[in-house]
Protein backbone atom coordinates (compact mmCIF):
# COMPACT_ATOMS: atom_id res chain seq x y z
CA UNK A 1 67.74 75.43 106.80
CA UNK A 2 70.00 77.36 104.53
CA UNK A 3 68.98 81.04 103.73
CA UNK A 4 68.88 82.17 100.27
CA UNK A 5 71.02 85.31 99.44
CA UNK A 6 69.28 88.66 99.35
CA UNK A 7 67.99 89.67 96.00
CA UNK A 8 69.87 92.54 94.34
CA UNK A 9 66.68 94.81 93.50
CA UNK A 10 68.69 97.28 91.42
CA UNK A 11 70.41 94.77 89.08
CA UNK A 12 67.35 92.46 88.61
CA UNK A 13 64.74 94.96 88.31
CA UNK A 14 62.08 92.42 88.27
CA UNK A 15 60.79 92.03 91.95
CA UNK A 16 57.59 91.00 93.45
CA UNK A 17 56.40 94.60 93.30
CA UNK A 18 56.63 94.96 89.55
CA UNK A 19 56.01 91.09 88.51
CA UNK A 20 53.15 90.73 86.14
CA UNK A 21 52.04 87.63 88.29
CA UNK A 22 51.84 89.70 91.53
CA UNK A 23 47.92 89.50 91.74
CA UNK A 24 48.10 85.66 91.40
CA UNK A 25 50.70 85.10 93.93
CA UNK A 26 51.67 85.88 97.61
CA UNK A 27 52.23 89.62 97.04
CA UNK A 28 48.75 90.52 96.19
CA UNK A 29 47.99 90.91 100.03
CA UNK A 30 50.77 93.28 100.82
CA UNK A 31 52.45 96.59 99.90
CA UNK A 32 55.12 98.97 100.96
CA UNK A 33 57.94 97.82 103.34
CA UNK A 34 56.28 94.51 103.77
CA UNK A 35 56.59 93.94 100.08
CA UNK A 36 60.15 94.95 100.11
CA UNK A 37 60.85 92.42 102.79
CA UNK A 38 59.38 89.72 100.77
CA UNK A 39 61.42 90.89 97.72
CA UNK A 40 64.56 90.30 99.56
CA UNK A 41 64.04 86.62 100.30
CA UNK A 42 62.84 85.76 96.85
CA UNK A 43 65.36 84.46 94.27
CA UNK A 44 63.64 84.67 90.86
CA UNK A 45 66.51 84.10 88.48
CA UNK A 46 66.07 80.24 88.48
CA UNK A 47 65.88 78.75 85.13
CA UNK A 48 65.11 75.09 84.40
CA UNK A 49 65.52 73.40 81.07
CA UNK A 50 62.94 70.82 80.07
CA UNK A 51 63.20 67.54 82.20
CA UNK A 52 65.16 69.64 85.05
CA UNK A 53 63.52 69.05 88.51
CA UNK A 54 62.62 71.84 91.06
CA UNK A 55 62.71 69.13 93.72
CA UNK A 56 62.64 65.45 93.86
CA UNK A 57 60.41 63.16 95.95
CA UNK A 58 62.16 62.20 99.06
CA UNK A 59 64.34 65.44 99.47
CA UNK A 60 64.01 67.71 102.35
CA UNK A 61 61.68 70.71 102.06
CA UNK A 62 63.23 74.20 102.34
CA UNK A 63 61.09 76.39 99.81
CA UNK A 64 58.03 77.01 98.06
CA UNK A 65 58.44 77.73 94.14
CA UNK A 66 56.22 80.18 92.20
CA UNK A 67 56.21 79.30 88.43
CA UNK A 68 57.12 82.45 86.63
CA UNK A 69 57.39 81.36 82.99
CA UNK A 70 56.79 78.05 81.16
CA UNK A 71 55.26 75.07 83.01
CA UNK A 72 56.06 72.14 85.28
CA UNK A 73 54.53 68.72 85.92
CA UNK A 74 54.36 67.05 89.35
CA UNK A 75 54.51 63.08 89.69
CA UNK A 76 55.29 60.31 91.91
CA UNK A 77 55.85 56.58 91.56
CA UNK A 78 54.89 53.62 93.71
CA UNK A 79 57.07 50.83 95.04
CA UNK A 80 56.72 48.83 91.70
CA UNK A 81 58.04 52.00 89.74
CA UNK A 82 54.63 52.87 88.38
CA UNK A 83 54.50 56.77 87.55
CA UNK A 84 51.48 58.75 88.22
CA UNK A 85 51.24 62.38 86.89
CA UNK A 86 49.68 64.63 89.72
CA UNK A 87 49.25 67.88 87.89
CA UNK A 88 50.45 70.46 85.52
CA UNK A 89 51.42 73.98 86.67
CA UNK A 90 51.33 77.23 84.94
CA UNK A 91 52.76 80.69 85.77
CA UNK A 92 51.50 82.13 89.11
CA UNK A 93 51.00 78.76 90.59
CA UNK A 94 53.03 77.54 93.64
CA UNK A 95 54.67 74.37 93.99
CA UNK A 96 56.06 72.63 97.18
CA UNK A 97 52.97 72.29 99.40
CA UNK A 98 53.26 68.76 99.23
CA UNK A 99 56.09 68.77 101.79
CA UNK A 100 54.35 71.07 104.49
CA UNK A 101 53.26 68.09 106.69
CA UNK A 102 56.50 66.30 107.35
CA UNK A 103 58.99 68.56 105.54
CA UNK A 104 60.09 65.97 102.96
CA UNK A 105 58.76 66.17 99.25
CA UNK A 106 56.37 63.47 98.38
CA UNK A 107 56.54 64.07 94.61
CA UNK A 108 58.90 65.33 91.82
CA UNK A 109 58.31 68.64 90.16
CA UNK A 110 59.88 68.63 86.70
CA UNK A 111 59.97 71.46 83.97
CA UNK A 112 58.00 70.50 80.87
CA UNK A 113 59.90 73.22 78.83
CA UNK A 114 62.51 75.77 79.44
CA UNK A 115 60.91 77.44 82.44
CA UNK A 116 61.53 79.98 85.17
CA UNK A 117 60.66 79.98 88.89
CA UNK A 118 61.00 82.06 92.07
CA UNK A 119 62.35 80.37 95.09
CA UNK A 120 60.84 81.41 98.43
CA UNK A 121 62.75 80.05 101.58
CA UNK A 122 59.87 78.77 103.83
CA UNK A 123 61.28 79.65 107.25
CA UNK A 124 61.87 83.23 105.97
CA UNK A 125 58.41 83.46 104.50
CA UNK A 126 56.92 82.15 107.81
CA UNK A 127 58.93 84.95 109.74
CA UNK A 128 57.32 87.60 107.64
CA UNK A 129 53.98 86.04 107.96
CA UNK A 130 54.22 86.48 111.78
CA UNK A 131 54.56 90.12 111.20
CA UNK A 132 52.17 90.60 108.33
CA UNK A 133 48.94 88.89 108.97
CA UNK A 134 47.58 89.65 105.46
CA UNK A 135 50.47 87.74 104.01
CA UNK A 136 49.46 84.61 106.25
CA UNK A 137 45.92 84.97 105.08
CA UNK A 138 46.99 85.09 101.33
CA UNK A 139 49.10 81.97 101.85
CA UNK A 140 46.12 80.10 103.11
CA UNK A 141 44.23 81.16 100.02
CA UNK A 142 46.81 79.85 97.68
CA UNK A 143 46.98 76.77 99.69
CA UNK A 144 43.10 76.31 99.35
CA UNK A 145 43.56 77.17 95.61
CA UNK A 146 45.85 74.12 95.37
CA UNK A 147 43.57 71.86 97.27
CA UNK A 148 40.60 72.87 94.99
CA UNK A 149 42.76 71.98 92.12
CA UNK A 150 43.25 68.56 93.53
CA UNK A 151 39.58 68.11 94.04
CA UNK A 152 38.80 69.08 90.48
CA UNK A 153 41.13 66.26 89.42
CA UNK A 154 39.34 63.79 91.62
CA UNK A 155 35.88 64.79 90.09
CA UNK A 156 37.36 64.39 86.55
CA UNK A 157 38.74 60.93 87.40
CA UNK A 158 35.42 60.08 88.52
CA UNK A 159 33.77 60.62 85.20
CA UNK A 160 33.21 57.48 83.22
CA UNK A 161 33.44 58.80 79.83
CA UNK A 162 36.89 59.54 78.37
CA UNK A 163 35.59 62.35 76.50
CA UNK A 164 34.20 64.18 79.61
CA UNK A 165 37.74 63.91 81.32
CA UNK A 166 39.46 65.54 78.34
CA UNK A 167 36.91 68.29 78.17
CA UNK A 168 37.05 68.95 81.71
CA UNK A 169 40.93 69.35 81.49
CA UNK A 170 40.63 71.59 78.48
CA UNK A 171 38.12 73.80 80.24
CA UNK A 172 40.28 73.97 83.39
CA UNK A 173 43.40 74.95 81.23
CA UNK A 174 41.32 77.60 79.53
CA UNK A 175 40.34 79.23 82.84
CA UNK A 176 43.73 79.13 84.11
CA UNK A 177 44.95 80.94 81.06
CA UNK A 178 42.25 83.59 81.35
CA UNK A 179 43.35 84.18 84.91
CA UNK A 180 46.89 85.01 83.39
CA UNK A 181 45.24 87.52 81.06
CA UNK A 182 45.88 85.15 78.00
CA UNK A 183 43.60 84.17 75.35
CA UNK A 184 41.48 81.52 76.84
CA UNK A 185 40.63 79.87 73.60
CA UNK A 186 44.23 79.19 72.60
CA UNK A 187 46.11 76.40 74.52
CA UNK A 188 49.61 75.44 74.19
CA UNK A 189 49.85 71.81 75.60
CA UNK A 190 53.48 71.65 76.73
CA UNK A 191 53.04 68.11 78.14
CA UNK A 192 53.45 64.98 76.06
CA UNK A 193 50.30 62.98 75.02
CA UNK A 194 51.75 60.16 77.17
CA UNK A 195 51.73 62.52 80.34
CA UNK A 196 48.22 63.75 79.52
CA UNK A 197 46.94 60.30 79.07
CA UNK A 198 48.36 59.15 82.34
CA UNK A 199 46.90 62.17 84.12
CA UNK A 200 43.43 61.62 82.80
CA UNK A 201 43.70 57.87 83.61
CA UNK A 202 43.57 56.92 79.89
CA UNK A 203 45.88 55.45 77.20
CA UNK A 204 47.64 57.41 74.57
CA UNK A 205 45.57 55.99 71.73
CA UNK A 206 42.46 57.09 73.32
CA UNK A 207 43.55 60.66 73.90
CA UNK A 208 44.76 60.96 70.32
CA UNK A 209 41.34 59.54 69.05
CA UNK A 210 39.47 62.08 71.39
CA UNK A 211 41.34 65.05 69.81
CA UNK A 212 40.49 63.85 66.48
CA UNK A 213 36.81 63.39 67.33
CA UNK A 214 36.71 66.79 68.81
CA UNK A 215 38.04 68.31 65.83
CA UNK A 216 35.62 66.44 63.66
CA UNK A 217 32.80 67.83 65.83
CA UNK A 218 34.03 71.39 65.40
CA UNK A 219 34.89 71.85 69.05
CA UNK A 220 38.66 72.08 68.51
CA UNK A 221 41.33 72.85 66.14
CA UNK A 222 44.34 70.90 66.86
CA UNK A 223 47.84 71.38 65.39
CA UNK A 224 50.23 69.23 67.23
CA UNK A 225 50.71 70.95 70.67
CA UNK A 226 48.60 73.91 69.69
CA UNK A 227 44.86 73.67 70.43
CA UNK A 228 42.17 76.26 69.62
CA UNK A 229 38.72 76.08 71.23
CA UNK A 230 36.31 76.70 68.30
CA UNK A 231 33.16 76.18 70.29
CA UNK A 232 33.31 76.87 73.95
CA UNK A 233 29.61 76.16 74.59
CA UNK A 234 29.97 72.77 72.91
CA UNK A 235 33.00 71.99 75.21
CA UNK A 236 31.01 72.77 78.19
CA UNK A 237 28.29 70.23 76.99
CA UNK A 238 30.92 67.60 76.52
CA UNK A 239 32.02 68.17 80.19
CA UNK A 240 28.53 67.23 81.30
CA UNK A 241 28.43 64.04 79.11
């Protein structure tokens, strides 16, 4: 595996130690010299325009990626070319765990808008984990969080009512924004309606009707990609049918 160049801490001035996402990411478990060691393997100047891939399905696994700004979607296609959206990923969330088993990516991660990501070479991360048990523990917690997100998607897809699926998605997005210290009632949907419909297992027309219906009910205010949750309690009710 090719090692990433060491990070120029003086020039960049935005390392793990002073990153706003520190408490959501791997560095939350370590401090001092160990944190500086992690700083030196992280490349966090990577900028991705909308549509550009972090990694593609079938490519060798070398690194994990932390979303620093913007958002990404992960997707895969079957032998017939049918595309399935697997998830949408916000700042502080880590991509690349799909390849841990056989070191080949099973999905593609693609920027939904102009986005930034930190690249963490996995072989170097493992070396630090050997010396820093707390970092290993934190890595397991992050993996567990990703598994939990996958389970939430399965639960959502098991709901029969389309309204429940959309309500669960919006509530999840609200909680993730709150974790970032952002207003949980104001959501920016960077994904297209087609991608959202694919993720929810619905058709685009149904998703559009649901947004209109929720707005008529006074639950949401929808302005294109900007969605404001007006009645959080009612949204919770809709999650439960």
